[in-house]
């Protein structure tokens, strides 16, 4: 595994928000704190909102690429992710306890149109 610790990671937040996202989550009054982007084990910066990296498997894709290489927590940022634009996750930021079961669908993108 290559050493990716020297890669520069810029903080894209401003005053507890992500102003480049429409309807961005607001962490200012939440008990949760916004986290900075990180470099995953593949050398890809996660959470910088650019969604493009020369080290990303997407930029080196071929018919021989196993899609599972992009699965797992190393590809999801805990506070700068499209999922925070959903009503349920916004309520978590406002410390509203969930009053229903979490919805997950195995084949449909339930976040479509939320960004």
N, C-alpha and C. Protein backbone atom coordinates (compact mmCIF):
# COMPACT_ATOMS: atom_id res chain seq x y z
N UNK A 1 0.85 -1.19 0.00
CA UNK A 1 0.00 0.00 0.00
C UNK A 1 0.89 1.24 0.00
N UNK A 2 0.57 2.19 -0.85
CA UNK A 2 1.36 3.41 -0.98
C UNK A 2 1.10 4.35 0.20
N UNK A 3 2.07 5.21 0.46
CA UNK A 3 1.93 6.19 1.52
C UNK A 3 1.24 7.43 0.95
N UNK A 4 0.03 7.73 1.44
CA UNK A 4 -0.73 8.86 0.94
C UNK A 4 -0.81 9.99 1.96
N UNK A 5 0.02 9.93 3.00
CA UNK A 5 -0.07 10.92 4.08
C UNK A 5 0.42 12.29 3.64
N UNK A 6 1.19 12.38 2.57
CA UNK A 6 1.72 13.67 2.16
C UNK A 6 0.74 14.44 1.28
N UNK A 7 -0.37 13.85 0.90
CA UNK A 7 -1.35 14.51 0.04
C UNK A 7 -2.01 15.66 0.79
N UNK A 8 -2.10 16.82 0.16
CA UNK A 8 -2.71 17.99 0.79
C UNK A 8 -4.23 17.85 0.78
N UNK A 9 -4.83 18.07 1.94
CA UNK A 9 -6.28 17.99 2.08
C UNK A 9 -6.78 19.35 2.55
N UNK A 10 -7.61 19.99 1.73
CA UNK A 10 -8.14 21.31 2.07
C UNK A 10 -9.51 21.19 2.71
N UNK A 11 -9.74 22.01 3.73
CA UNK A 11 -11.04 22.05 4.38
C UNK A 11 -11.98 22.89 3.52
N UNK A 12 -13.12 22.32 3.11
CA UNK A 12 -14.04 23.03 2.23
C UNK A 12 -15.22 23.64 2.98
N UNK A 13 -15.21 23.53 4.31
CA UNK A 13 -16.32 24.09 5.08
C UNK A 13 -16.06 25.57 5.39
N UNK A 14 -17.14 26.26 5.69
CA UNK A 14 -17.06 27.67 6.04
C UNK A 14 -18.08 27.93 7.13
N UNK A 15 -17.61 28.27 8.30
CA UNK A 15 -18.49 28.61 9.42
C UNK A 15 -19.54 27.53 9.68
N UNK A 16 -19.12 26.27 9.67
CA UNK A 16 -20.02 25.18 10.00
C UNK A 16 -21.00 24.79 8.91
N UNK A 17 -20.75 25.24 7.68
CA UNK A 17 -21.62 24.86 6.56
C UNK A 17 -20.77 24.50 5.35
N UNK A 18 -21.43 24.01 4.33
CA UNK A 18 -20.79 23.72 3.05
C UNK A 18 -21.46 24.62 2.02
N UNK A 19 -21.02 25.88 1.90
CA UNK A 19 -21.75 26.86 1.09
C UNK A 19 -21.81 26.53 -0.40
N UNK A 20 -20.97 25.64 -0.87
CA UNK A 20 -20.99 25.27 -2.28
C UNK A 20 -22.11 24.27 -2.59
N UNK A 21 -22.77 23.74 -1.57
CA UNK A 21 -23.89 22.81 -1.77
C UNK A 21 -25.20 23.55 -1.57
N UNK A 22 -26.12 23.36 -2.49
CA UNK A 22 -27.45 23.95 -2.30
C UNK A 22 -28.11 23.22 -1.12
N UNK A 23 -28.76 23.96 -0.26
CA UNK A 23 -29.40 23.40 0.94
C UNK A 23 -28.41 22.60 1.77
N UNK A 24 -27.21 23.11 1.92
CA UNK A 24 -26.18 22.39 2.65
C UNK A 24 -26.52 22.25 4.13
N UNK A 25 -26.06 21.18 4.74
CA UNK A 25 -26.29 21.00 6.17
C UNK A 25 -25.63 22.11 6.98
N UNK A 26 -26.22 22.45 8.11
CA UNK A 26 -25.69 23.48 8.99
C UNK A 26 -25.29 22.82 10.31
N UNK A 27 -24.01 22.82 10.58
CA UNK A 27 -23.49 22.17 11.79
C UNK A 27 -23.29 23.16 12.94
N UNK A 28 -23.58 24.44 12.73
CA UNK A 28 -23.29 25.45 13.75
C UNK A 28 -24.02 25.20 15.07
N UNK A 29 -25.28 24.81 15.01
CA UNK A 29 -26.06 24.62 16.23
C UNK A 29 -26.28 23.15 16.56
N UNK A 30 -25.50 22.29 15.97
CA UNK A 30 -25.66 20.85 16.18
C UNK A 30 -24.65 20.35 17.20
N UNK A 31 -24.99 19.25 17.85
CA UNK A 31 -24.01 18.64 18.75
C UNK A 31 -22.95 17.87 17.96
N UNK A 32 -23.22 17.63 16.68
CA UNK A 32 -22.24 16.99 15.79
C UNK A 32 -21.31 18.07 15.25
N UNK A 33 -20.10 17.67 14.95
CA UNK A 33 -19.14 18.63 14.38
C UNK A 33 -18.73 18.18 12.99
N UNK A 34 -18.57 19.15 12.12
CA UNK A 34 -18.16 18.88 10.76
C UNK A 34 -16.73 18.35 10.78
N UNK A 35 -16.46 17.36 9.95
CA UNK A 35 -15.13 16.78 9.88
C UNK A 35 -14.45 17.15 8.57
N UNK A 36 -13.14 17.25 8.62
CA UNK A 36 -12.37 17.62 7.44
C UNK A 36 -12.29 16.44 6.46
N UNK A 37 -12.03 16.73 5.19
CA UNK A 37 -11.80 15.65 4.23
C UNK A 37 -10.63 14.78 4.66
N UNK A 38 -10.59 13.56 4.14
CA UNK A 38 -9.50 12.65 4.46
C UNK A 38 -9.05 11.94 3.19
N UNK A 39 -7.87 11.35 3.25
CA UNK A 39 -7.34 10.56 2.14
C UNK A 39 -7.55 9.09 2.49
N UNK A 40 -8.24 8.36 1.61
CA UNK A 40 -8.49 6.95 1.91
C UNK A 40 -7.29 6.09 1.52
N UNK A 41 -7.40 4.81 1.72
CA UNK A 41 -6.28 3.89 1.49
C UNK A 41 -5.84 3.82 0.04
N UNK A 42 -6.68 4.32 -0.88
CA UNK A 42 -6.33 4.31 -2.30
C UNK A 42 -5.74 5.64 -2.76
N UNK A 43 -5.57 6.58 -1.83
CA UNK A 43 -5.00 7.88 -2.16
C UNK A 43 -6.01 8.87 -2.69
N UNK A 44 -7.28 8.58 -2.52
CA UNK A 44 -8.35 9.45 -3.01
C UNK A 44 -8.85 10.33 -1.87
N UNK A 45 -8.93 11.64 -2.12
CA UNK A 45 -9.45 12.56 -1.11
C UNK A 45 -10.97 12.41 -1.07
N UNK A 46 -11.49 12.15 0.13
CA UNK A 46 -12.92 11.95 0.35
C UNK A 46 -13.46 13.11 1.18
N UNK A 47 -14.52 13.74 0.70
CA UNK A 47 -15.15 14.83 1.44
C UNK A 47 -14.72 16.21 1.01
N UNK A 48 -14.00 16.31 -0.12
CA UNK A 48 -13.57 17.64 -0.59
C UNK A 48 -14.56 18.24 -1.58
N UNK A 49 -15.61 17.51 -1.92
CA UNK A 49 -16.68 17.94 -2.82
C UNK A 49 -16.26 18.07 -4.27
N UNK A 50 -15.06 17.64 -4.60
CA UNK A 50 -14.64 17.68 -6.00
C UNK A 50 -14.96 16.37 -6.71
N UNK A 51 -15.04 15.29 -5.97
CA UNK A 51 -15.44 13.99 -6.50
C UNK A 51 -14.60 13.55 -7.69
N UNK A 52 -13.39 14.01 -7.74
CA UNK A 52 -12.50 13.60 -8.82
C UNK A 52 -11.09 13.57 -8.28
N UNK A 53 -10.39 12.52 -8.56
CA UNK A 53 -9.03 12.38 -8.10
C UNK A 53 -8.28 11.53 -9.12
N UNK A 54 -7.07 11.92 -9.44
CA UNK A 54 -6.30 11.13 -10.40
C UNK A 54 -6.04 9.71 -9.89
N UNK A 55 -6.11 9.52 -8.57
CA UNK A 55 -5.89 8.20 -7.99
C UNK A 55 -7.17 7.37 -7.89
N UNK A 56 -8.30 7.95 -8.25
CA UNK A 56 -9.57 7.23 -8.13
C UNK A 56 -9.66 6.10 -9.14
N UNK A 57 -10.20 4.97 -8.71
CA UNK A 57 -10.44 3.88 -9.67
C UNK A 57 -11.33 4.31 -10.83
N UNK A 58 -12.18 5.31 -10.60
CA UNK A 58 -13.04 5.78 -11.69
C UNK A 58 -12.22 6.36 -12.85
N UNK A 59 -11.06 6.92 -12.54
CA UNK A 59 -10.21 7.49 -13.58
C UNK A 59 -9.26 6.47 -14.18
N UNK A 60 -9.31 5.24 -13.69
CA UNK A 60 -8.46 4.18 -14.22
C UNK A 60 -9.31 2.95 -14.54
N UNK A 61 -10.60 3.17 -14.79
CA UNK A 61 -11.55 2.09 -14.95
C UNK A 61 -11.30 1.31 -16.24
N UNK A 62 -11.51 0.01 -16.17
CA UNK A 62 -11.45 -0.85 -17.35
C UNK A 62 -12.42 -2.01 -17.13
N UNK A 63 -12.55 -2.85 -18.13
CA UNK A 63 -13.43 -4.02 -17.98
C UNK A 63 -12.88 -5.00 -16.96
N UNK A 64 -11.62 -4.85 -16.59
CA UNK A 64 -11.01 -5.73 -15.59
C UNK A 64 -11.14 -5.21 -14.17
N UNK A 65 -11.68 -4.00 -14.00
CA UNK A 65 -11.82 -3.41 -12.67
C UNK A 65 -12.99 -4.04 -11.93
N UNK A 66 -12.72 -4.47 -10.71
CA UNK A 66 -13.78 -5.02 -9.85
C UNK A 66 -14.46 -3.85 -9.14
N UNK A 67 -15.75 -3.62 -9.35
CA UNK A 67 -16.44 -2.48 -8.73
C UNK A 67 -16.36 -2.48 -7.21
N UNK A 68 -16.14 -3.63 -6.60
CA UNK A 68 -16.10 -3.69 -5.14
C UNK A 68 -14.92 -2.91 -4.57
N UNK A 69 -13.96 -2.54 -5.43
CA UNK A 69 -12.81 -1.76 -4.95
C UNK A 69 -13.27 -0.40 -4.41
N UNK A 70 -14.46 0.05 -4.83
CA UNK A 70 -14.97 1.34 -4.36
C UNK A 70 -16.10 1.17 -3.34
N UNK A 71 -16.15 0.04 -2.67
CA UNK A 71 -17.15 -0.20 -1.64
C UNK A 71 -16.54 0.00 -0.26
N UNK A 72 -17.36 0.37 0.70
CA UNK A 72 -16.91 0.45 2.08
C UNK A 72 -16.85 1.87 2.61
N UNK A 73 -16.59 1.96 3.91
CA UNK A 73 -16.58 3.25 4.61
C UNK A 73 -15.46 4.17 4.13
N UNK A 74 -14.42 3.63 3.54
CA UNK A 74 -13.31 4.46 3.06
C UNK A 74 -13.69 5.37 1.92
N UNK A 75 -14.88 5.21 1.38
CA UNK A 75 -15.36 6.02 0.26
C UNK A 75 -16.46 6.98 0.66
N UNK A 76 -16.82 7.01 1.96
CA UNK A 76 -17.92 7.85 2.42
C UNK A 76 -17.41 8.79 3.50
N UNK A 77 -17.67 10.07 3.32
CA UNK A 77 -17.28 11.06 4.32
C UNK A 77 -18.39 11.18 5.36
N UNK A 78 -18.05 11.23 6.65
CA UNK A 78 -19.09 11.24 7.68
C UNK A 78 -19.94 12.51 7.75
N UNK A 79 -19.45 13.65 7.25
CA UNK A 79 -20.26 14.87 7.34
C UNK A 79 -20.40 15.62 6.02
N UNK A 80 -19.64 15.27 4.99
CA UNK A 80 -19.80 15.90 3.69
C UNK A 80 -20.18 14.82 2.69
N UNK A 81 -21.43 14.41 2.79
CA UNK A 81 -21.95 13.36 1.94
C UNK A 81 -23.35 13.76 1.51
N UNK A 82 -23.75 13.37 0.32
CA UNK A 82 -25.07 13.74 -0.21
C UNK A 82 -26.20 13.32 0.72
N UNK A 83 -25.99 12.29 1.51
CA UNK A 83 -27.02 11.82 2.42
C UNK A 83 -27.44 12.84 3.46
N UNK A 84 -26.59 13.80 3.78
CA UNK A 84 -26.94 14.81 4.79
C UNK A 84 -28.02 15.77 4.28
N UNK A 85 -28.34 15.74 3.00
CA UNK A 85 -29.39 16.60 2.47
C UNK A 85 -30.78 16.00 2.64
N UNK A 86 -30.89 14.80 3.18
CA UNK A 86 -32.20 14.18 3.40
C UNK A 86 -32.82 14.72 4.69
N UNK A 87 -34.14 14.68 4.76
CA UNK A 87 -34.86 15.16 5.94
C UNK A 87 -34.42 14.42 7.20
N UNK A 88 -34.29 13.11 7.09
CA UNK A 88 -33.94 12.31 8.26
C UNK A 88 -32.57 12.70 8.82
N UNK A 89 -31.60 12.90 7.95
CA UNK A 89 -30.27 13.26 8.43
C UNK A 89 -30.20 14.71 8.90
N UNK A 90 -30.99 15.59 8.30
CA UNK A 90 -31.05 16.97 8.79
C UNK A 90 -31.60 16.99 10.22
N UNK A 91 -32.59 16.13 10.49
CA UNK A 91 -33.13 16.03 11.85
C UNK A 91 -32.06 15.55 12.83
N UNK A 92 -31.18 14.67 12.39
CA UNK A 92 -30.08 14.23 13.25
C UNK A 92 -29.18 15.42 13.61
N UNK A 93 -28.94 16.31 12.65
CA UNK A 93 -28.13 17.50 12.92
C UNK A 93 -28.81 18.42 13.93
N UNK A 94 -30.13 18.42 13.92
CA UNK A 94 -30.90 19.25 14.85
C UNK A 94 -31.18 18.50 16.15
N UNK A 95 -30.54 17.33 16.30
CA UNK A 95 -30.69 16.50 17.50
C UNK A 95 -32.13 16.07 17.75
N UNK A 96 -32.91 15.92 16.66
CA UNK A 96 -34.26 15.38 16.76
C UNK A 96 -34.13 13.86 16.71
N UNK A 97 -34.58 13.16 17.75
CA UNK A 97 -34.45 11.70 17.74
C UNK A 97 -35.31 11.08 16.64
N UNK A 98 -34.78 10.07 15.96
CA UNK A 98 -35.57 9.43 14.90
C UNK A 98 -36.81 8.77 15.47
N UNK A 99 -37.95 8.99 14.80
CA UNK A 99 -39.19 8.39 15.27
C UNK A 99 -39.71 7.33 14.30
N UNK A 100 -38.85 6.89 13.40
CA UNK A 100 -39.24 5.87 12.43
C UNK A 100 -38.02 5.03 12.07
N UNK A 101 -38.28 3.91 11.45
CA UNK A 101 -37.18 3.05 11.02
C UNK A 101 -36.45 3.71 9.86
N UNK A 102 -35.16 3.48 9.78
CA UNK A 102 -34.37 4.03 8.67
C UNK A 102 -34.75 3.31 7.39
N UNK A 103 -34.86 4.05 6.31
CA UNK A 103 -35.24 3.47 5.03
C UNK A 103 -34.01 3.22 4.18
N UNK A 104 -33.87 1.99 3.76
CA UNK A 104 -32.79 1.63 2.85
C UNK A 104 -33.41 0.76 1.77
N UNK A 105 -33.09 1.03 0.54
CA UNK A 105 -33.61 0.24 -0.56
C UNK A 105 -32.44 -0.39 -1.29
N UNK A 106 -32.51 -1.68 -1.56
CA UNK A 106 -31.37 -2.38 -2.14
C UNK A 106 -31.06 -2.03 -3.60
N UNK A 107 -32.03 -1.48 -4.35
CA UNK A 107 -31.76 -1.23 -5.76
C UNK A 107 -32.07 0.19 -6.21
N UNK A 108 -32.76 0.98 -5.42
CA UNK A 108 -33.13 2.34 -5.82
C UNK A 108 -32.33 3.37 -5.06
N UNK A 109 -31.94 4.44 -5.75
CA UNK A 109 -31.23 5.54 -5.13
C UNK A 109 -32.25 6.47 -4.49
N UNK A 110 -32.46 6.34 -3.19
CA UNK A 110 -33.48 7.11 -2.50
C UNK A 110 -33.05 8.55 -2.27
N UNK A 111 -31.81 8.90 -2.57
CA UNK A 111 -31.35 10.28 -2.41
C UNK A 111 -31.44 11.06 -3.71
N UNK A 112 -31.90 10.44 -4.79
CA UNK A 112 -31.96 11.10 -6.10
C UNK A 112 -32.78 12.39 -5.99
N UNK A 113 -32.22 13.48 -6.49
CA UNK A 113 -32.90 14.76 -6.48
C UNK A 113 -32.82 15.51 -5.18
N UNK A 114 -32.03 15.04 -4.22
CA UNK A 114 -31.94 15.70 -2.91
C UNK A 114 -30.81 16.72 -2.85
N UNK A 115 -29.98 16.77 -3.89
CA UNK A 115 -28.86 17.72 -3.84
C UNK A 115 -29.11 18.94 -4.68
